Amino acid sequence: FAGTENWNHFWFTLVCASYYRHSGDKAFLNHLYPYVEKSIETAMKNKGEDDLMWSFRPDWWDIGNNFGPRAYMTILAIRALRDFNYLSASLQKNNSKLKFYEELSNRMNKKLLDTLWDDKLNYLISYYEDGSKDEHIYMGSLLASHFNLLDKDKNLKLIKTAKENL
């Protein structure tokens, strides 16, 4: 069982989309689609009103247990929603939700940069529920670079910070 804040929901969606991109196996995708849809619905229960993903764990289930908006989970959500749209469009399913999920992923990407980018650290960070910063440099923020969620300037800064601190 994977609860609402389990990142495996997002990874499952990403793996299914990757498999389909490389195999074109629509029959298997049709079999998997209800599970992907359920994963997205379950995981999105932790989206805050601020369009960021909230979780108790900071990054890859690292040490810590303090609820707040998380860079890692938000990054995964953005990519998973975009991949879910790809899968949905490929199967002609949930057409009525495509625009909603596209707009949501774009809002989440903007909030990721506007709220979780720290100009002092030059890195994507997380926050605690009380609004204080979690200034740890977690490796999950590097996924923003991998998934092309940053502009060139922030991307270079993020990589430089990671190189110096990880």
C-alpha atoms as a PDB file:
ATOM      1  CA  PHE A   1       0.000   0.000   0.000  1.00  0.00           C
ATOM      2  CA  ALA A   2       1.315   3.414  -0.956  1.00  0.00           C
ATOM      3  CA  GLY A   3      -0.285   6.277   0.966  1.00  0.00           C
ATOM      4  CA  THR A   4      -0.994   9.769  -0.296  1.00  0.00           C
ATOM      5  CA  GLU A   5       2.519  11.085   0.223  1.00  0.00           C
ATOM      6  CA  ASN A   6       4.386   8.132  -1.193  1.00  0.00           C
ATOM      7  CA  TRP A   7       6.573   9.214  -4.097  1.00  0.00           C
ATOM      8  CA  ASN A   8       6.157   5.795  -5.746  1.00  0.00           C
ATOM      9  CA  HIS A   9       2.863   7.020  -7.213  1.00  0.00           C
ATOM     10  CA  PHE A  10       4.797   9.531  -9.280  1.00  0.00           C
ATOM     11  CA  TRP A  11       7.603   7.140 -10.195  1.00  0.00           C
ATOM     12  CA  PHE A  12       5.059   4.542 -11.321  1.00  0.00           C
ATOM     13  CA  THR A  13       3.534   7.097 -13.679  1.00  0.00           C
ATOM     14  CA  LEU A  14       6.961   8.088 -15.021  1.00  0.00           C
ATOM     15  CA  VAL A  15       7.980   4.463 -15.578  1.00  0.00           C
ATOM     16  CA  CYS A  16       4.744   3.672 -17.400  1.00  0.00           C
ATOM     17  CA  ALA A  17       5.169   6.680 -19.675  1.00  0.00           C
ATOM     18  CA  SER A  18       8.795   5.773 -20.366  1.00  0.00           C
ATOM     19  CA  TYR A  19       7.837   2.186 -21.124  1.00  0.00           C
ATOM     20  CA  TYR A  20       5.153   3.321 -23.550  1.00  0.00           C
ATOM     21  CA  ARG A  21       7.458   5.822 -25.270  1.00  0.00           C
ATOM     22  CA  HIS A  22       9.996   3.077 -25.923  1.00  0.00           C
ATOM     23  CA  SER A  23       7.687   0.142 -26.637  1.00  0.00           C
ATOM     24  CA  GLY A  24       4.517   1.567 -28.147  1.00  0.00           C
ATOM     25  CA  ASP A  25       2.739  -1.265 -26.314  1.00  0.00           C
ATOM     26  CA  LYS A  26      -0.752   0.206 -26.150  1.00  0.00           C
ATOM     27  CA  ALA A  27      -2.375  -3.039 -24.962  1.00  0.00           C
ATOM     28  CA  PHE A  28      -0.218  -3.179 -21.844  1.00  0.00           C
ATOM     29  CA  LEU A  29      -0.656   0.549 -21.285  1.00  0.00           C
ATOM     30  CA  ASN A  30      -4.445   0.082 -21.393  1.00  0.00           C
ATOM     31  CA  HIS A  31      -4.046  -2.565 -18.685  1.00  0.00           C
ATOM     32  CA  LEU A  32      -1.864  -0.286 -16.529  1.00  0.00           C
ATOM     33  CA  TYR A  33      -3.806   2.930 -17.062  1.00  0.00           C
ATOM     34  CA  PRO A  34      -6.379   2.492 -14.254  1.00  0.00           C
ATOM     35  CA  TYR A  35      -3.505   2.013 -11.790  1.00  0.00           C
ATOM     36  CA  VAL A  36      -1.692   5.074 -13.106  1.00  0.00           C
ATOM     37  CA  GLU A  37      -4.887   7.086 -12.839  1.00  0.00           C
ATOM     38  CA  LYS A  38      -5.403   5.909  -9.255  1.00  0.00           C
ATOM     39  CA  SER A  39      -1.794   6.770  -8.400  1.00  0.00           C
ATOM     40  CA  ILE A  40      -2.206  10.323  -9.681  1.00  0.00           C
ATOM     41  CA  GLU A  41      -5.508  10.780  -7.838  1.00  0.00           C
ATOM     42  CA  THR A  42      -4.011   9.424  -4.597  1.00  0.00           C
ATOM     43  CA  ALA A  43      -0.780  11.419  -4.710  1.00  0.00           C
ATOM     44  CA  MET A  44      -2.503  14.672  -5.603  1.00  0.00           C
ATOM     45  CA  LYS A  45      -4.356  14.581  -2.281  1.00  0.00           C
ATOM     46  CA  ASN A  46      -1.168  16.081  -0.814  1.00  0.00           C
ATOM     47  CA  LYS A  47      -1.205  19.108  -3.117  1.00  0.00           C
ATOM     48  CA  GLY A  48      -1.559  22.190  -0.999  1.00  0.00           C
ATOM     49  CA  GLU A  49      -3.684  25.213  -1.775  1.00  0.00           C
ATOM     50  CA  ASP A  50      -0.401  26.830  -2.822  1.00  0.00           C
ATOM     51  CA  ASP A  51      -0.052  24.275  -5.686  1.00  0.00           C
ATOM     52  CA  LEU A  52       3.015  22.738  -4.034  1.00  0.00           C
ATOM     53  CA  MET A  53       3.216  19.161  -2.836  1.00  0.00           C
ATOM     54  CA  TRP A  54       3.253  18.814   0.937  1.00  0.00           C
ATOM     55  CA  SER A  55       4.843  15.892   2.720  1.00  0.00           C
ATOM     56  CA  PHE A  56       6.265  14.878   6.077  1.00  0.00           C
ATOM     57  CA  ARG A  57       9.467  13.493   4.583  1.00  0.00           C
ATOM     58  CA  PRO A  58      11.930  15.937   3.020  1.00  0.00           C
ATOM     59  CA  ASP A  59      13.539  14.070   0.130  1.00  0.00           C
ATOM     60  CA  TRP A  60      13.765  10.410  -0.886  1.00  0.00           C
ATOM     61  CA  TRP A  61      12.437   9.565   2.609  1.00  0.00           C
ATOM     62  CA  ASP A  62      15.492  11.145   4.179  1.00  0.00           C
ATOM     63  CA  ILE A  63      15.671  11.740   7.902  1.00  0.00           C
ATOM     64  CA  GLY A  64      13.020  14.135   9.093  1.00  0.00           C
ATOM     65  CA  ASN A  65       9.338  14.213   9.804  1.00  0.00           C
ATOM     66  CA  ASN A  66       7.985  17.742   9.566  1.00  0.00           C
ATOM     67  CA  PHE A  67       5.063  18.535   7.263  1.00  0.00           C
ATOM     68  CA  GLY A  68       5.624  21.207   4.653  1.00  0.00           C
ATOM     69  CA  PRO A  69       5.949  22.038   0.954  1.00  0.00           C
ATOM     70  CA  ARG A  70       8.646  19.879  -0.641  1.00  0.00           C
ATOM     71  CA  ALA A  71      10.737  20.533  -3.720  1.00  0.00           C
ATOM     72  CA  TYR A  72      11.303  16.832  -4.482  1.00  0.00           C
ATOM     73  CA  MET A  73       7.631  15.894  -4.385  1.00  0.00           C
ATOM     74  CA  THR A  74       6.596  18.988  -6.354  1.00  0.00           C
ATOM     75  CA  ILE A  75       9.184  18.229  -9.047  1.00  0.00           C
ATOM     76  CA  LEU A  76       7.938  14.650  -9.334  1.00  0.00           C
ATOM     77  CA  ALA A  77       4.313  15.808  -9.422  1.00  0.00           C
ATOM     78  CA  ILE A  78       4.977  18.224 -12.282  1.00  0.00           C
ATOM     79  CA  ARG A  79       6.622  15.552 -14.398  1.00  0.00           C
ATOM     80  CA  ALA A  80       4.073  12.879 -13.456  1.00  0.00           C
ATOM     81  CA  LEU A  81       1.145  15.118 -14.409  1.00  0.00           C
ATOM     82  CA  ARG A  82       2.734  15.847 -17.781  1.00  0.00           C
ATOM     83  CA  ASP A  83       3.408  12.153 -18.347  1.00  0.00           C
ATOM     84  CA  PHE A  84      -0.136  11.306 -17.238  1.00  0.00           C
ATOM     85  CA  ASN A  85      -1.433  13.711 -19.872  1.00  0.00           C
ATOM     86  CA  TYR A  86       0.790  12.026 -22.461  1.00  0.00           C
ATOM     87  CA  LEU A  87      -0.592   8.612 -21.528  1.00  0.00           C
ATOM     88  CA  SER A  88      -4.175   9.873 -21.391  1.00  0.00           C
ATOM     89  CA  ALA A  89      -3.919  11.560 -24.793  1.00  0.00           C
ATOM     90  CA  SER A  90      -2.297   8.477 -26.312  1.00  0.00           C
ATOM     91  CA  LEU A  91      -5.206   6.321 -25.148  1.00  0.00           C
ATOM     92  CA  GLN A  92      -7.883   8.996 -25.703  1.00  0.00           C
ATOM     93  CA  LYS A  93      -8.844   8.803 -22.019  1.00  0.00           C
ATOM     94  CA  ASN A  94      -9.691  11.598 -19.599  1.00  0.00           C
ATOM     95  CA  ASN A  95      -9.701  14.129 -22.434  1.00  0.00           C
ATOM     96  CA  SER A  96     -11.776  16.456 -20.273  1.00  0.00           C
ATOM     97  CA  LYS A  97      -8.953  16.586 -17.683  1.00  0.00           C
ATOM     98  CA  LEU A  98      -6.028  17.212 -20.053  1.00  0.00           C
ATOM     99  CA  LYS A  99      -6.254  20.993 -19.926  1.00  0.00           C
ATOM    100  CA  PHE A 100      -6.751  20.983 -16.141  1.00  0.00           C
ATOM    101  CA  TYR A 101      -3.640  18.847 -15.550  1.00  0.00           C
ATOM    102  CA  GLU A 102      -1.583  20.862 -18.036  1.00  0.00           C
ATOM    103  CA  GLU A 103      -2.505  24.122 -16.316  1.00  0.00           C
ATOM    104  CA  LEU A 104      -1.919  22.584 -12.894  1.00  0.00           C
ATOM    105  CA  SER A 105       1.545  21.326 -13.822  1.00  0.00           C
ATOM    106  CA  ASN A 106       2.419  24.764 -15.219  1.00  0.00           C
ATOM    107  CA  ARG A 107       1.199  26.481 -12.034  1.00  0.00           C
ATOM    108  CA  MET A 108       3.158  24.008  -9.940  1.00  0.00           C
ATOM    109  CA  ASN A 109       6.295  24.668 -11.989  1.00  0.00           C
ATOM    110  CA  LYS A 110       5.870  28.415 -11.468  1.00  0.00           C
ATOM    111  CA  LYS A 111       5.285  27.977  -7.720  1.00  0.00           C
ATOM    112  CA  LEU A 112       8.325  25.686  -7.516  1.00  0.00           C
ATOM    113  CA  LEU A 113      10.497  28.489  -8.839  1.00  0.00           C
ATOM    114  CA  ASP A 114       8.727  31.401  -7.157  1.00  0.00           C
ATOM    115  CA  THR A 115       8.462  29.803  -3.714  1.00  0.00           C
ATOM    116  CA  LEU A 116      11.051  27.043  -3.359  1.00  0.00           C
ATOM    117  CA  TRP A 117      13.989  28.605  -5.209  1.00  0.00           C
ATOM    118  CA  ASP A 118      16.400  30.119  -2.697  1.00  0.00           C
ATOM    119  CA  ASP A 119      18.530  32.933  -4.170  1.00  0.00           C
ATOM    120  CA  LYS A 120      21.022  32.750  -1.306  1.00  0.00           C
ATOM    121  CA  LEU A 121      21.628  29.015  -1.654  1.00  0.00           C
ATOM    122  CA  ASN A 122      21.009  28.934  -5.413  1.00  0.00           C
ATOM    123  CA  TYR A 123      19.000  25.798  -4.902  1.00  0.00           C
ATOM    124  CA  LEU A 124      15.478  24.433  -4.613  1.00  0.00           C
ATOM    125  CA  ILE A 125      14.654  23.970  -0.966  1.00  0.00           C
ATOM    126  CA  SER A 126      11.705  22.892   1.136  1.00  0.00           C
ATOM    127  CA  TYR A 127       9.834  24.540   3.976  1.00  0.00           C
ATOM    128  CA  TYR A 128       8.400  23.440   7.260  1.00  0.00           C
ATOM    129  CA  GLU A 129       4.724  23.799   8.086  1.00  0.00           C
ATOM    130  CA  ASP A 130       5.443  26.857  10.252  1.00  0.00           C
ATOM    131  CA  GLY A 131       6.907  28.648   7.203  1.00  0.00           C
ATOM    132  CA  SER A 132      10.565  28.311   8.189  1.00  0.00           C
ATOM    133  CA  LYS A 133      13.087  27.149   5.597  1.00  0.00           C
ATOM    134  CA  ASP A 134      14.626  23.712   5.458  1.00  0.00           C
ATOM    135  CA  GLU A 135      17.991  24.814   4.078  1.00  0.00           C
ATOM    136  CA  HIS A 136      19.357  21.299   3.612  1.00  0.00           C
ATOM    137  CA  ILE A 137      20.751  20.602   0.164  1.00  0.00           C
ATOM    138  CA  TYR A 138      18.909  17.454  -0.878  1.00  0.00           C
ATOM    139  CA  MET A 139      19.745  15.618  -4.076  1.00  0.00           C
ATOM    140  CA  GLY A 140      16.090  15.322  -5.155  1.00  0.00           C
ATOM    141  CA  SER A 141      16.150  18.950  -6.285  1.00  0.00           C
ATOM    142  CA  LEU A 142      18.472  17.874  -9.097  1.00  0.00           C
ATOM    143  CA  LEU A 143      15.481  16.249 -10.765  1.00  0.00           C
ATOM    144  CA  ALA A 144      14.317  19.749 -11.694  1.00  0.00           C
ATOM    145  CA  SER A 145      17.397  19.990 -13.877  1.00  0.00           C
ATOM    146  CA  HIS A 146      16.888  16.526 -15.332  1.00  0.00           C
ATOM    147  CA  PHE A 147      13.221  17.242 -16.121  1.00  0.00           C
ATOM    148  CA  ASN A 148      14.021  20.683 -17.635  1.00  0.00           C
ATOM    149  CA  LEU A 149      11.943  22.634 -15.118  1.00  0.00           C
ATOM    150  CA  LEU A 150      14.480  25.443 -14.695  1.00  0.00           C
ATOM    151  CA  ASP A 151      15.719  28.228 -16.913  1.00  0.00           C
ATOM    152  CA  LYS A 152      19.374  28.081 -17.978  1.00  0.00           C
ATOM    153  CA  ASP A 153      20.611  30.444 -15.244  1.00  0.00           C
ATOM    154  CA  LYS A 154      18.917  28.608 -12.366  1.00  0.00           C
ATOM    155  CA  ASN A 155      19.912  25.269 -13.833  1.00  0.00           C
ATOM    156  CA  LEU A 156      23.598  26.202 -13.807  1.00  0.00           C
ATOM    157  CA  LYS A 157      23.346  27.619 -10.286  1.00  0.00           C
ATOM    158  CA  LEU A 158      21.597  24.504  -9.012  1.00  0.00           C
ATOM    159  CA  ILE A 159      24.245  22.221 -10.502  1.00  0.00           C
ATOM    160  CA  LYS A 160      27.056  24.368  -9.110  1.00  0.00           C
ATOM    161  CA  THR A 161      25.511  24.314  -5.628  1.00  0.00           C
ATOM    162  CA  ALA A 162      25.082  20.543  -5.818  1.00  0.00           C
ATOM    163  CA  LYS A 163      28.677  20.095  -6.949  1.00  0.00           C
ATOM    164  CA  GLU A 164      29.931  22.167  -4.030  1.00  0.00           C
ATOM    165  CA  ASN A 165      27.688  20.631  -1.361  1.00  0.00           C
ATOM    166  CA  LEU A 166      26.763  17.075  -2.254  1.00  0.00           C
END
